């Protein structure tokens, strides 16, 4: 059965009363505010997150820069250490070679001088100069030629090969290192003149000592 007009009017009044009491507008406003607050929070969170990320990126960049500086310092230290190690090894090697060369002096015979002359080359020339320089350092070549050449060699040579003597100049490798060593030590006059004088002085000392020994022997009574 269909509703009577009176029942329909009653139902409409009820619906109108229920609609007025639900306050949908206020609810919507509250929802809109909640949504707005959430939006602001999300937006603020994004800003904070962005700032935090930017800070992290800056720190990473700083760390990378510091790492590069540290790597460069380590590279420099390693290179310096390698150079120092090589230098020490070189010095140790040179010291050993100089000790070996020093054992060749004084040169005892003409054959020994010829051998030394043939052994001198570009690679070891400075070592020979240094070795000779150390042997004549205190007093120069005039007093210390005996540390380089024994009397037998001195008696057989002079600088230019005159008066039936061998020429020291012809043993050019040895003569060259001698001149350079004398120059390095210093002294009065050119190195070559110092060498000439040193050869003459050592010969004079030899003959003087020989004469003294001969005189002593002659004065000694034979039993």
N, C-alpha and C. Protein backbone atom coordinates (compact mmCIF):
# COMPACT_ATOMS: atom_id res chain seq x y z
N UNK A 1 0.85 -1.19 0.00
CA UNK A 1 0.00 0.00 0.00
C UNK A 1 0.87 1.23 0.00
N UNK A 2 0.43 2.26 -0.73
CA UNK A 2 1.20 3.51 -0.78
C UNK A 2 0.88 4.33 0.44
N UNK A 3 1.93 5.16 0.79
CA UNK A 3 1.76 5.99 1.99
C UNK A 3 0.68 7.05 1.74
N UNK A 4 0.04 7.40 2.84
CA UNK A 4 -0.96 8.47 2.75
C UNK A 4 -0.25 9.81 2.75
N UNK A 5 -0.89 10.86 2.28
CA UNK A 5 -0.27 12.19 2.28
C UNK A 5 0.22 12.61 3.64
N UNK A 6 -0.49 12.28 4.69
CA UNK A 6 -0.08 12.67 6.04
C UNK A 6 1.22 12.00 6.44
N UNK A 7 1.39 10.69 6.06
CA UNK A 7 2.61 9.94 6.39
C UNK A 7 3.80 10.53 5.64
N UNK A 8 3.64 10.91 4.36
CA UNK A 8 4.72 11.49 3.55
C UNK A 8 5.20 12.80 4.17
N UNK A 9 4.29 13.65 4.60
CA UNK A 9 4.64 14.93 5.22
C UNK A 9 5.44 14.69 6.47
N UNK A 10 5.03 13.69 7.28
CA UNK A 10 5.73 13.36 8.52
C UNK A 10 7.16 12.90 8.23
N UNK A 11 7.35 12.09 7.17
CA UNK A 11 8.69 11.57 6.81
C UNK A 11 9.59 12.71 6.36
N UNK A 12 9.11 13.65 5.58
CA UNK A 12 9.90 14.78 5.10
C UNK A 12 10.34 15.66 6.26
N UNK A 13 9.45 15.88 7.21
CA UNK A 13 9.81 16.67 8.38
C UNK A 13 10.93 16.00 9.16
N UNK A 14 10.87 14.67 9.26
CA UNK A 14 11.90 13.92 9.98
C UNK A 14 13.26 14.05 9.30
N UNK A 15 13.25 13.93 7.97
CA UNK A 15 14.50 14.04 7.21
C UNK A 15 15.10 15.43 7.34
N UNK A 16 14.24 16.44 7.27
CA UNK A 16 14.74 17.81 7.39
C UNK A 16 15.35 18.06 8.76
N UNK A 17 14.72 17.51 9.79
CA UNK A 17 15.24 17.66 11.15
C UNK A 17 16.57 16.97 11.30
N UNK A 18 16.76 15.76 10.71
CA UNK A 18 18.02 14.98 10.82
C UNK A 18 19.15 15.67 10.08
N UNK A 19 18.81 16.26 8.92
CA UNK A 19 19.83 16.96 8.12
C UNK A 19 20.35 18.17 8.86
N UNK A 20 19.50 18.91 9.51
CA UNK A 20 19.91 20.09 10.25
C UNK A 20 20.81 19.75 11.41
N UNK A 21 20.61 18.55 12.05
CA UNK A 21 21.37 18.21 13.24
C UNK A 21 22.74 17.62 12.95
N UNK A 22 23.10 17.22 11.68
CA UNK A 22 24.39 16.54 11.38
C UNK A 22 25.56 17.49 11.28
N UNK A 23 25.38 18.79 11.05
CA UNK A 23 26.45 19.79 10.99
C UNK A 23 27.57 19.39 10.04
N UNK A 24 27.22 19.04 8.81
CA UNK A 24 28.21 18.60 7.81
C UNK A 24 29.20 19.69 7.48
N UNK A 25 28.80 20.94 7.47
CA UNK A 25 29.71 22.04 7.13
C UNK A 25 30.90 22.12 8.08
N UNK A 26 30.61 21.99 9.39
CA UNK A 26 31.69 22.04 10.37
C UNK A 26 32.66 20.88 10.19
N UNK A 27 32.07 19.73 9.90
CA UNK A 27 32.92 18.54 9.70
C UNK A 27 33.85 18.73 8.52
N UNK A 28 33.29 19.30 7.45
CA UNK A 28 34.11 19.54 6.25
C UNK A 28 35.22 20.53 6.56
N UNK A 29 34.87 21.57 7.33
CA UNK A 29 35.89 22.56 7.69
C UNK A 29 37.02 21.93 8.50
N UNK A 30 36.62 21.05 9.44
CA UNK A 30 37.64 20.38 10.25
C UNK A 30 38.54 19.50 9.38
N UNK A 31 37.88 18.81 8.44
CA UNK A 31 38.66 17.95 7.53
C UNK A 31 39.61 18.79 6.68
N UNK A 32 39.10 19.92 6.20
CA UNK A 32 39.96 20.79 5.39
C UNK A 32 41.15 21.29 6.20
N UNK A 33 40.92 21.62 7.48
CA UNK A 33 42.03 22.09 8.32
C UNK A 33 43.05 20.97 8.56
N UNK A 34 42.52 19.78 8.82
CA UNK A 34 43.42 18.64 9.03
C UNK A 34 44.29 18.41 7.79
N UNK A 35 43.62 18.47 6.62
CA UNK A 35 44.35 18.28 5.36
C UNK A 35 45.39 19.38 5.18
N UNK A 36 44.99 20.62 5.52
CA UNK A 36 45.91 21.75 5.39
C UNK A 36 47.12 21.57 6.31
N UNK A 37 46.83 21.15 7.58
CA UNK A 37 47.94 20.93 8.53
C UNK A 37 48.88 19.83 8.04
N UNK A 38 48.28 18.75 7.54
CA UNK A 38 49.10 17.65 7.02
C UNK A 38 49.96 18.10 5.85
N UNK A 39 49.34 18.93 4.99
CA UNK A 39 50.08 19.45 3.83
C UNK A 39 51.28 20.28 4.28
N UNK A 40 51.02 21.16 5.31
CA UNK A 40 52.11 21.98 5.83
C UNK A 40 53.21 21.12 6.46
N UNK A 41 52.77 20.09 7.20
CA UNK A 41 53.76 19.20 7.82
C UNK A 41 54.61 18.49 6.77
N UNK A 42 53.93 18.01 5.72
CA UNK A 42 54.66 17.33 4.64
C UNK A 42 55.62 18.29 3.97
N UNK A 43 55.11 19.53 3.71
CA UNK A 43 55.95 20.53 3.06
C UNK A 43 57.15 20.88 3.94
N UNK A 44 56.87 21.08 5.26
CA UNK A 44 57.95 21.38 6.20
C UNK A 44 58.94 20.23 6.28
N UNK A 45 58.38 19.03 6.29
CA UNK A 45 59.24 17.84 6.34
C UNK A 45 60.12 17.76 5.11
N UNK A 46 59.57 18.13 3.96
CA UNK A 46 60.36 18.12 2.73
C UNK A 46 61.50 19.12 2.81
N UNK A 47 61.18 20.31 3.36
CA UNK A 47 62.22 21.34 3.49
C UNK A 47 63.33 20.86 4.42
N UNK A 48 62.93 20.30 5.57
CA UNK A 48 63.92 19.79 6.51
C UNK A 48 64.74 18.67 5.90
N UNK A 49 64.04 17.78 5.17
CA UNK A 49 64.74 16.68 4.50
C UNK A 49 65.72 17.21 3.46
N UNK A 50 65.30 18.22 2.70
CA UNK A 50 66.17 18.81 1.68
C UNK A 50 67.39 19.44 2.33
N UNK A 51 67.16 20.19 3.45
CA UNK A 51 68.27 20.82 4.14
C UNK A 51 69.23 19.77 4.70
N UNK A 52 68.66 18.69 5.25
CA UNK A 52 69.50 17.62 5.79
C UNK A 52 70.33 16.97 4.69
N UNK A 53 69.68 16.74 3.54
CA UNK A 53 70.40 16.13 2.41
C UNK A 53 71.50 17.04 1.91
N UNK A 54 71.19 18.35 1.82
CA UNK A 54 72.21 19.30 1.38
C UNK A 54 73.40 19.33 2.35
N UNK A 55 73.12 19.23 3.65
CA UNK A 55 74.18 19.19 4.64
C UNK A 55 75.04 17.95 4.48
N UNK A 56 74.36 16.82 4.25
CA UNK A 56 75.10 15.56 4.04
C UNK A 56 75.98 15.66 2.80
N UNK A 57 75.40 16.23 1.73
CA UNK A 57 76.17 16.39 0.48
C UNK A 57 77.39 17.28 0.72
N UNK A 58 77.20 18.38 1.47
CA UNK A 58 78.32 19.28 1.78
C UNK A 58 79.40 18.55 2.57
N UNK A 59 78.97 17.75 3.55
CA UNK A 59 79.93 17.01 4.36
C UNK A 59 80.69 15.99 3.51
N UNK A 60 79.98 15.34 2.60
CA UNK A 60 80.63 14.38 1.71
C UNK A 60 81.65 15.08 0.82
N UNK A 61 81.27 16.25 0.30
CA UNK A 61 82.21 17.01 -0.53
C UNK A 61 83.45 17.42 0.26
N UNK A 62 83.21 17.86 1.51
CA UNK A 62 84.34 18.24 2.37
C UNK A 62 85.25 17.06 2.63
N UNK A 63 84.63 15.90 2.93
CA UNK A 63 85.43 14.69 3.18
C UNK A 63 86.22 14.29 1.95
N UNK A 64 85.60 14.42 0.77
CA UNK A 64 86.31 14.08 -0.47
C UNK A 64 87.49 15.01 -0.69
N UNK A 65 87.26 16.31 -0.41
CA UNK A 65 88.35 17.28 -0.57
C UNK A 65 89.49 16.97 0.40
N UNK A 66 89.13 16.67 1.66
CA UNK A 66 90.15 16.31 2.65
C UNK A 66 90.87 15.03 2.25
N UNK A 67 90.12 14.09 1.68
CA UNK A 67 90.72 12.83 1.24
C UNK A 67 91.74 13.08 0.13
N UNK A 68 91.38 13.96 -0.80
CA UNK A 68 92.30 14.28 -1.90
C UNK A 68 93.58 14.92 -1.37
N UNK A 69 93.40 15.85 -0.40
CA UNK A 69 94.57 16.50 0.20
C UNK A 69 95.45 15.47 0.90
N UNK A 70 94.80 14.57 1.65
CA UNK A 70 95.54 13.54 2.37
C UNK A 70 96.24 12.60 1.41
N UNK A 71 95.56 12.22 0.33
CA UNK A 71 96.17 11.34 -0.68
C UNK A 71 97.39 12.01 -1.31
N UNK A 72 97.27 13.34 -1.55
CA UNK A 72 98.40 14.08 -2.13
C UNK A 72 99.57 14.10 -1.17
N UNK A 73 99.28 14.33 0.13
CA UNK A 73 100.34 14.34 1.13
C UNK A 73 101.01 12.98 1.23
N UNK A 74 100.19 11.92 1.21
CA UNK A 74 100.74 10.57 1.27
C UNK A 74 101.60 10.29 0.05
N UNK A 75 101.12 10.74 -1.11
CA UNK A 75 101.89 10.55 -2.35
C UNK A 75 103.24 11.26 -2.27
N UNK A 76 103.23 12.49 -1.73
CA UNK A 76 104.48 13.24 -1.58
C UNK A 76 105.41 12.54 -0.60
N UNK A 77 104.85 12.05 0.52
CA UNK A 77 105.66 11.35 1.52
C UNK A 77 106.26 10.07 0.95
N UNK A 78 105.45 9.32 0.20
CA UNK A 78 105.94 8.08 -0.40
C UNK A 78 107.05 8.38 -1.40
N UNK A 79 106.84 9.43 -2.20
CA UNK A 79 107.86 9.80 -3.19
C UNK A 79 109.15 10.24 -2.51
N UNK A 80 109.00 11.07 -1.45
CA UNK A 80 110.18 11.52 -0.71
C UNK A 80 110.90 10.36 -0.05
N UNK A 81 110.10 9.43 0.51
CA UNK A 81 110.69 8.25 1.14
C UNK A 81 111.44 7.40 0.13
N UNK A 82 110.86 7.25 -1.05
CA UNK A 82 111.51 6.46 -2.10
C UNK A 82 112.81 7.11 -2.54
N UNK A 83 112.77 8.45 -2.70
CA UNK A 83 113.99 9.17 -3.09
C UNK A 83 115.06 9.06 -2.02
N UNK A 84 114.62 9.17 -0.75
CA UNK A 84 115.58 9.08 0.35
C UNK A 84 116.18 7.68 0.42
N UNK A 85 115.33 6.66 0.24
CA UNK A 85 115.82 5.29 0.25
C UNK A 85 116.82 5.06 -0.88
N UNK A 86 116.47 5.57 -2.07
CA UNK A 86 117.38 5.43 -3.21
C UNK A 86 118.68 6.17 -2.96
N UNK A 87 118.57 7.36 -2.33
CA UNK A 87 119.77 8.14 -2.03
C UNK A 87 120.67 7.42 -1.04
N UNK A 88 120.04 6.84 0.00
CA UNK A 88 120.82 6.10 1.00
C UNK A 88 121.49 4.89 0.37
N UNK A 89 120.74 4.19 -0.47
CA UNK A 89 121.32 3.03 -1.15
C UNK A 89 122.48 3.46 -2.04
N UNK A 90 122.26 4.60 -2.75
CA UNK A 90 123.32 5.11 -3.61
C UNK A 90 124.55 5.50 -2.82
N UNK A 91 124.32 6.17 -1.66
CA UNK A 91 125.44 6.58 -0.82
C UNK A 91 126.18 5.37 -0.26
N UNK A 92 125.41 4.35 0.15
CA UNK A 92 126.03 3.13 0.67
C UNK A 92 126.85 2.44 -0.41
N UNK A 93 126.28 2.39 -1.61
CA UNK A 93 126.99 1.78 -2.73
C UNK A 93 128.24 2.56 -3.07
N UNK A 94 128.11 3.90 -3.13
CA UNK A 94 129.26 4.75 -3.44
C UNK A 94 130.34 4.62 -2.37
N UNK A 95 129.90 4.55 -1.10
CA UNK A 95 130.87 4.42 -0.01
C UNK A 95 131.64 3.11 -0.14
N UNK A 96 130.91 2.05 -0.46
CA UNK A 96 131.58 0.76 -0.65
C UNK A 96 132.55 0.78 -1.82
N UNK A 97 132.15 1.44 -2.90
CA UNK A 97 133.03 1.53 -4.07
C UNK A 97 134.25 2.38 -3.76
N UNK A 98 134.06 3.48 -2.99
CA UNK A 98 135.19 4.34 -2.66
C UNK A 98 136.18 3.61 -1.76
N UNK A 99 135.67 2.80 -0.83
CA UNK A 99 136.57 2.01 0.01
C UNK A 99 137.37 1.03 -0.84
N UNK A 100 136.70 0.45 -1.83
CA UNK A 100 137.39 -0.47 -2.73
C UNK A 100 138.44 0.26 -3.55
N UNK A 101 138.10 1.46 -4.03
CA UNK A 101 139.07 2.25 -4.81
C UNK A 101 140.24 2.69 -3.94
N UNK A 102 139.94 3.07 -2.69
CA UNK A 102 141.00 3.54 -1.80
C UNK A 102 142.06 2.48 -1.56
N UNK A 103 141.64 1.21 -1.65
CA UNK A 103 142.60 0.12 -1.46
C UNK A 103 143.63 0.03 -2.59
N UNK A 104 143.37 0.69 -3.71
CA UNK A 104 144.30 0.67 -4.84
C UNK A 104 145.48 1.62 -4.63
N UNK A 105 145.37 2.49 -3.61
CA UNK A 105 146.40 3.50 -3.38
C UNK A 105 147.19 3.19 -2.10
N UNK A 106 148.47 3.55 -2.08
CA UNK A 106 149.24 4.12 -3.19
C UNK A 106 149.51 3.08 -4.28
N UNK A 107 149.55 3.54 -5.52
CA UNK A 107 149.83 2.67 -6.66
C UNK A 107 151.31 2.28 -6.60
N UNK A 108 151.55 0.97 -6.58
CA UNK A 108 152.90 0.48 -6.26
C UNK A 108 153.82 0.36 -7.47
N UNK A 109 153.27 -0.02 -8.61
CA UNK A 109 154.13 -0.28 -9.78
C UNK A 109 153.59 0.42 -11.02
N UNK A 110 154.43 0.45 -12.05
CA UNK A 110 154.02 1.04 -13.33
C UNK A 110 152.85 0.25 -13.91
N UNK A 111 152.91 -1.07 -13.81
CA UNK A 111 151.81 -1.89 -14.32
C UNK A 111 150.50 -1.60 -13.58
N UNK A 112 150.61 -1.39 -12.29
CA UNK A 112 149.41 -1.05 -11.51
C UNK A 112 148.82 0.28 -11.98
N UNK A 113 149.70 1.24 -12.29
CA UNK A 113 149.23 2.54 -12.78
C UNK A 113 148.51 2.39 -14.12
N UNK A 114 149.08 1.58 -14.99
CA UNK A 114 148.45 1.35 -16.30
C UNK A 114 147.07 0.70 -16.11
N UNK A 115 146.98 -0.21 -15.16
CA UNK A 115 145.69 -0.88 -14.90
C UNK A 115 144.66 0.09 -14.34
N UNK A 116 145.08 0.92 -13.39
CA UNK A 116 144.17 1.92 -12.82
C UNK A 116 143.69 2.87 -13.90
N UNK A 117 144.60 3.32 -14.76
CA UNK A 117 144.25 4.22 -15.85
C UNK A 117 143.19 3.62 -16.76
N UNK A 118 143.31 2.32 -17.03
CA UNK A 118 142.34 1.64 -17.91
C UNK A 118 141.00 1.42 -17.21
N UNK A 119 141.02 1.39 -15.87
CA UNK A 119 139.78 1.14 -15.12
C UNK A 119 138.92 2.40 -14.96
N UNK A 120 139.53 3.56 -15.11
CA UNK A 120 138.78 4.81 -14.91
C UNK A 120 137.89 5.08 -16.12
N UNK A 121 136.61 5.35 -15.86
CA UNK A 121 135.66 5.66 -16.93
C UNK A 121 134.67 6.72 -16.45
N UNK A 122 133.73 7.04 -17.31
CA UNK A 122 132.76 8.10 -16.98
C UNK A 122 131.94 7.73 -15.75
N UNK A 123 131.62 6.44 -15.61
CA UNK A 123 130.76 6.00 -14.51
C UNK A 123 131.44 6.12 -13.15
N UNK A 124 132.76 5.89 -13.09
CA UNK A 124 133.44 5.89 -11.79
C UNK A 124 134.43 7.04 -11.61
N UNK A 125 134.50 7.91 -12.58
CA UNK A 125 135.50 8.99 -12.54
C UNK A 125 135.38 9.84 -11.28
N UNK A 126 134.17 10.23 -10.92
CA UNK A 126 133.97 11.06 -9.74
C UNK A 126 134.38 10.34 -8.46
N UNK A 127 134.19 9.03 -8.44
CA UNK A 127 134.60 8.25 -7.26
C UNK A 127 136.11 8.27 -7.11
N UNK A 128 136.82 8.15 -8.22
CA UNK A 128 138.28 8.22 -8.17
C UNK A 128 138.74 9.60 -7.68
N UNK A 129 138.10 10.64 -8.20
CA UNK A 129 138.45 12.00 -7.78
C UNK A 129 138.24 12.16 -6.27
N UNK A 130 137.10 11.67 -5.79
CA UNK A 130 136.79 11.78 -4.37
C UNK A 130 137.78 10.99 -3.53
N UNK A 131 138.14 9.80 -3.98
CA UNK A 131 139.09 8.96 -3.24
C UNK A 131 140.46 9.63 -3.16
N UNK A 132 140.95 10.16 -4.28
CA UNK A 132 142.25 10.84 -4.29
C UNK A 132 142.20 12.11 -3.44
N UNK A 133 141.10 12.83 -3.54
CA UNK A 133 140.95 14.07 -2.76
C UNK A 133 141.06 13.79 -1.27
N UNK A 134 140.43 12.72 -0.81
CA UNK A 134 140.50 12.36 0.61
C UNK A 134 141.92 12.02 1.04
N UNK A 135 142.70 11.44 0.13
CA UNK A 135 144.07 11.02 0.46
C UNK A 135 145.05 12.19 0.50
N UNK A 136 144.72 13.31 -0.15
CA UNK A 136 145.64 14.46 -0.18
C UNK A 136 145.06 15.67 0.55
N UNK A 137 143.94 15.47 1.23
CA UNK A 137 143.20 16.61 1.80
C UNK A 137 144.02 17.38 2.83
N UNK A 138 144.66 16.68 3.74
CA UNK A 138 145.42 17.33 4.81
C UNK A 138 146.86 17.60 4.36
N UNK A 139 147.10 18.81 3.88
CA UNK A 139 148.44 19.18 3.45
C UNK A 139 148.61 19.31 1.96
N UNK A 140 147.62 18.86 1.18
CA UNK A 140 147.70 19.01 -0.26
C UNK A 140 148.59 17.98 -0.92
N UNK A 141 148.75 18.11 -2.24
CA UNK A 141 149.49 17.13 -3.03
C UNK A 141 150.99 17.16 -2.74
N UNK A 142 151.54 18.32 -2.35
CA UNK A 142 152.98 18.43 -2.11
C UNK A 142 153.45 17.52 -0.98
N UNK A 143 152.61 17.37 0.03
CA UNK A 143 152.97 16.52 1.17
C UNK A 143 152.44 15.10 1.04
N UNK A 144 151.44 14.91 0.22
CA UNK A 144 150.72 13.63 0.24
C UNK A 144 150.74 12.85 -1.07
N UNK A 145 151.61 13.21 -2.00
CA UNK A 145 151.69 12.42 -3.23
C UNK A 145 152.04 10.97 -2.93
N UNK A 146 152.78 10.77 -1.84
CA UNK A 146 153.17 9.40 -1.44
C UNK A 146 151.95 8.53 -1.15
N UNK A 147 150.81 9.16 -0.82
CA UNK A 147 149.58 8.39 -0.58
C UNK A 147 148.94 7.93 -1.88
N UNK A 148 149.38 8.52 -3.01
CA UNK A 148 148.81 8.19 -4.31
C UNK A 148 149.77 7.32 -5.12
N UNK A 149 151.04 7.71 -5.15
CA UNK A 149 152.04 7.00 -5.96
C UNK A 149 153.21 6.59 -5.10
N UNK A 150 153.56 5.32 -5.17
CA UNK A 150 154.74 4.83 -4.45
C UNK A 150 156.01 5.32 -5.15
N UNK A 151 157.13 5.22 -4.46
CA UNK A 151 158.40 5.74 -5.00
C UNK A 151 158.76 5.12 -6.34
N UNK A 152 158.49 3.84 -6.51
CA UNK A 152 158.84 3.18 -7.78
C UNK A 152 158.17 3.87 -8.97
N UNK A 153 156.91 4.25 -8.81
CA UNK A 153 156.18 4.91 -9.89
C UNK A 153 156.68 6.34 -10.07
N UNK A 154 156.90 7.04 -8.97
CA UNK A 154 157.37 8.43 -9.05
C UNK A 154 158.72 8.51 -9.76
N UNK A 155 159.61 7.55 -9.49
CA UNK A 155 160.93 7.56 -10.12
C UNK A 155 160.85 7.27 -11.61
N UNK A 156 159.80 6.59 -12.04
CA UNK A 156 159.68 6.22 -13.46
C UNK A 156 158.96 7.28 -14.29
N UNK A 157 158.32 8.25 -13.63
CA UNK A 157 157.46 9.21 -14.35
C UNK A 157 157.85 10.66 -14.07
N UNK A 158 157.48 11.51 -15.02
CA UNK A 158 157.27 12.93 -14.78
C UNK A 158 156.07 13.35 -15.63
N UNK A 159 155.69 14.60 -15.55
CA UNK A 159 154.45 15.02 -16.21
C UNK A 159 154.53 14.88 -17.72
N UNK A 160 155.63 15.32 -18.33
CA UNK A 160 155.71 15.40 -19.80
C UNK A 160 156.51 14.28 -20.45
N UNK A 161 157.12 13.41 -19.67
CA UNK A 161 157.89 12.32 -20.26
C UNK A 161 159.26 12.73 -20.76
N UNK A 162 159.85 13.72 -20.16
CA UNK A 162 161.20 14.17 -20.55
C UNK A 162 162.25 13.46 -19.70
N UNK A 163 163.53 13.60 -20.12
CA UNK A 163 164.66 13.01 -19.40
C UNK A 163 164.50 11.50 -19.21
N UNK A 164 164.05 10.86 -20.28
CA UNK A 164 163.93 9.40 -20.32
C UNK A 164 162.95 8.85 -19.28
N UNK A 165 161.98 9.64 -18.95
CA UNK A 165 160.93 9.18 -18.03
C UNK A 165 159.63 8.98 -18.81
N UNK A 166 158.75 8.16 -18.24
CA UNK A 166 157.43 7.98 -18.84
C UNK A 166 156.57 9.22 -18.58
N UNK A 167 155.65 9.49 -19.50
CA UNK A 167 154.79 10.67 -19.37
C UNK A 167 153.52 10.33 -18.59
N UNK A 168 153.36 11.00 -17.47
CA UNK A 168 152.13 10.81 -16.69
C UNK A 168 150.92 11.34 -17.45
N UNK A 169 151.16 12.33 -18.30
CA UNK A 169 150.07 12.92 -19.07
C UNK A 169 149.45 11.92 -20.04
N UNK A 170 150.26 10.97 -20.52
CA UNK A 170 149.75 9.99 -21.48
C UNK A 170 148.75 9.02 -20.85
N UNK A 171 148.89 8.80 -19.56
CA UNK A 171 147.85 8.04 -18.85
C UNK A 171 146.72 9.01 -18.53
N UNK A 172 146.01 9.40 -19.59
CA UNK A 172 145.12 10.56 -19.52
C UNK A 172 143.98 10.42 -18.52
N UNK A 173 143.45 9.22 -18.35
CA UNK A 173 142.35 9.06 -17.38
C UNK A 173 142.83 9.34 -15.96
N UNK A 174 143.94 8.74 -15.60
CA UNK A 174 144.49 8.95 -14.26
C UNK A 174 144.96 10.39 -14.09
N UNK A 175 145.65 10.91 -15.10
CA UNK A 175 146.15 12.28 -15.03
C UNK A 175 144.99 13.27 -14.84
N UNK A 176 143.89 13.03 -15.54
CA UNK A 176 142.73 13.92 -15.44
C UNK A 176 142.12 13.93 -14.05
N UNK A 177 141.95 12.74 -13.43
CA UNK A 177 141.36 12.71 -12.09
C UNK A 177 142.32 13.30 -11.06
N UNK A 178 143.61 13.13 -11.28
CA UNK A 178 144.59 13.74 -10.38
C UNK A 178 144.47 15.26 -10.40
N UNK A 179 144.43 15.83 -11.61
CA UNK A 179 144.33 17.28 -11.75
C UNK A 179 143.04 17.80 -11.11
N UNK A 180 141.92 17.10 -11.34
CA UNK A 180 140.64 17.53 -10.76
C UNK A 180 140.64 17.43 -9.24
N UNK A 181 141.26 16.38 -8.70
CA UNK A 181 141.32 16.22 -7.24
C UNK A 181 142.19 17.30 -6.61
N UNK A 182 143.34 17.59 -7.24
CA UNK A 182 144.22 18.65 -6.73
C UNK A 182 143.51 20.00 -6.78
N UNK A 183 142.79 20.26 -7.86
CA UNK A 183 142.03 21.51 -7.99
C UNK A 183 140.98 21.63 -6.90
N UNK A 184 140.30 20.52 -6.60
CA UNK A 184 139.25 20.53 -5.57
C UNK A 184 139.82 20.82 -4.19
N UNK A 185 141.00 20.30 -3.90
CA UNK A 185 141.62 20.53 -2.59
C UNK A 185 142.18 21.94 -2.49
N UNK A 186 142.67 22.46 -3.61
CA UNK A 186 143.24 23.81 -3.61
C UNK A 186 144.75 23.76 -3.42
N UNK A 187 145.32 24.90 -3.16
CA UNK A 187 146.77 24.99 -3.01
C UNK A 187 147.31 26.18 -3.79
N UNK A 188 148.62 26.34 -3.74
CA UNK A 188 149.25 27.49 -4.40
C UNK A 188 149.56 27.13 -5.85
N UNK A 189 149.03 27.90 -6.78
CA UNK A 189 149.33 27.70 -8.19
C UNK A 189 148.39 26.72 -8.86
N UNK A 190 148.53 26.60 -10.20
CA UNK A 190 147.70 25.66 -10.96
C UNK A 190 147.95 24.21 -10.52
N UNK A 191 146.95 23.37 -10.70
CA UNK A 191 147.04 21.98 -10.26
C UNK A 191 148.20 21.24 -10.93
N UNK A 192 148.40 21.49 -12.23
CA UNK A 192 149.47 20.79 -12.95
C UNK A 192 150.84 21.16 -12.40
N UNK A 193 151.03 22.42 -12.06
CA UNK A 193 152.31 22.86 -11.49
C UNK A 193 152.52 22.26 -10.11
N UNK A 194 151.44 22.15 -9.34
CA UNK A 194 151.54 21.51 -8.03
C UNK A 194 151.96 20.05 -8.17
N UNK A 195 151.42 19.37 -9.18
CA UNK A 195 151.77 17.97 -9.40
C UNK A 195 153.24 17.84 -9.81
N UNK A 196 153.72 18.71 -10.68
CA UNK A 196 155.14 18.69 -11.08
C UNK A 196 156.03 18.83 -9.84
N UNK A 197 155.70 19.82 -9.04
CA UNK A 197 156.51 20.08 -7.85
C UNK A 197 156.45 18.91 -6.87
N UNK A 198 155.26 18.31 -6.73
CA UNK A 198 155.11 17.17 -5.82
C UNK A 198 155.96 15.99 -6.27
N UNK A 199 156.00 15.73 -7.58
CA UNK A 199 156.85 14.65 -8.11
C UNK A 199 158.33 14.93 -7.81
N UNK A 200 158.74 16.16 -8.01
CA UNK A 200 160.14 16.53 -7.76
C UNK A 200 160.49 16.40 -6.28
N UNK A 201 159.59 16.86 -5.41
CA UNK A 201 159.85 16.79 -3.98
C UNK A 201 159.94 15.34 -3.49
N UNK A 202 159.03 14.48 -4.00
CA UNK A 202 159.07 13.09 -3.55
C UNK A 202 160.35 12.40 -4.03
N UNK A 203 160.81 12.73 -5.21
CA UNK A 203 162.09 12.17 -5.70
C UNK A 203 163.24 12.64 -4.82
N UNK A 204 163.25 13.91 -4.47
CA UNK A 204 164.31 14.43 -3.62
C UNK A 204 164.31 13.75 -2.26
N UNK A 205 163.12 13.56 -1.69
CA UNK A 205 163.03 12.89 -0.39
C UNK A 205 163.56 11.46 -0.50
N UNK A 206 163.22 10.81 -1.59
CA UNK A 206 163.67 9.42 -1.79
C UNK A 206 165.19 9.36 -1.85
N UNK A 207 165.80 10.22 -2.67
CA UNK A 207 167.26 10.19 -2.81
C UNK A 207 167.94 10.59 -1.51
N UNK A 208 167.36 11.54 -0.80
CA UNK A 208 167.93 11.96 0.47
C UNK A 208 167.90 10.81 1.47
N UNK A 209 166.77 10.13 1.56
CA UNK A 209 166.66 8.99 2.48
C UNK A 209 167.60 7.86 2.07
N UNK A 210 167.73 7.66 0.75
CA UNK A 210 168.63 6.61 0.26
C UNK A 210 170.07 6.91 0.64
N UNK A 211 170.48 8.17 0.50
CA UNK A 211 171.83 8.58 0.86
C UNK A 211 172.08 8.41 2.36
N UNK A 212 171.09 8.76 3.15
CA UNK A 212 171.23 8.62 4.60
C UNK A 212 171.38 7.16 4.99
N UNK A 213 170.57 6.29 4.39
CA UNK A 213 170.65 4.86 4.68
C UNK A 213 172.00 4.29 4.26
N UNK A 214 172.49 4.76 3.11
CA UNK A 214 173.79 4.29 2.61
C UNK A 214 174.91 4.73 3.55
N UNK A 215 174.83 5.97 4.02
CA UNK A 215 175.84 6.48 4.95
C UNK A 215 175.82 5.71 6.26
N UNK A 216 174.64 5.40 6.72
CA UNK A 216 174.52 4.64 7.97
C UNK A 216 175.13 3.26 7.81
N UNK A 217 174.88 2.64 6.68
CA UNK A 217 175.43 1.31 6.43
C UNK A 217 176.96 1.35 6.35
N UNK A 218 177.49 2.40 5.72
CA UNK A 218 178.94 2.52 5.58
C UNK A 218 179.62 2.76 6.92
N UNK A 219 178.92 3.43 7.82
CA UNK A 219 179.50 3.72 9.13
C UNK A 219 179.37 2.55 10.10
N UNK A 220 178.52 1.61 9.76
CA UNK A 220 178.31 0.47 10.65
C UNK A 220 179.48 -0.51 10.48
N UNK A 221 180.25 -0.82 11.55
CA UNK A 221 181.39 -1.75 11.43
C UNK A 221 180.93 -3.16 11.11
N UNK A 222 181.68 -3.80 10.26
CA UNK A 222 181.37 -5.18 9.90
C UNK A 222 182.02 -6.10 10.91
N UNK A 223 181.26 -6.96 11.54
CA UNK A 223 181.79 -7.88 12.55
C UNK A 223 182.34 -9.14 11.89
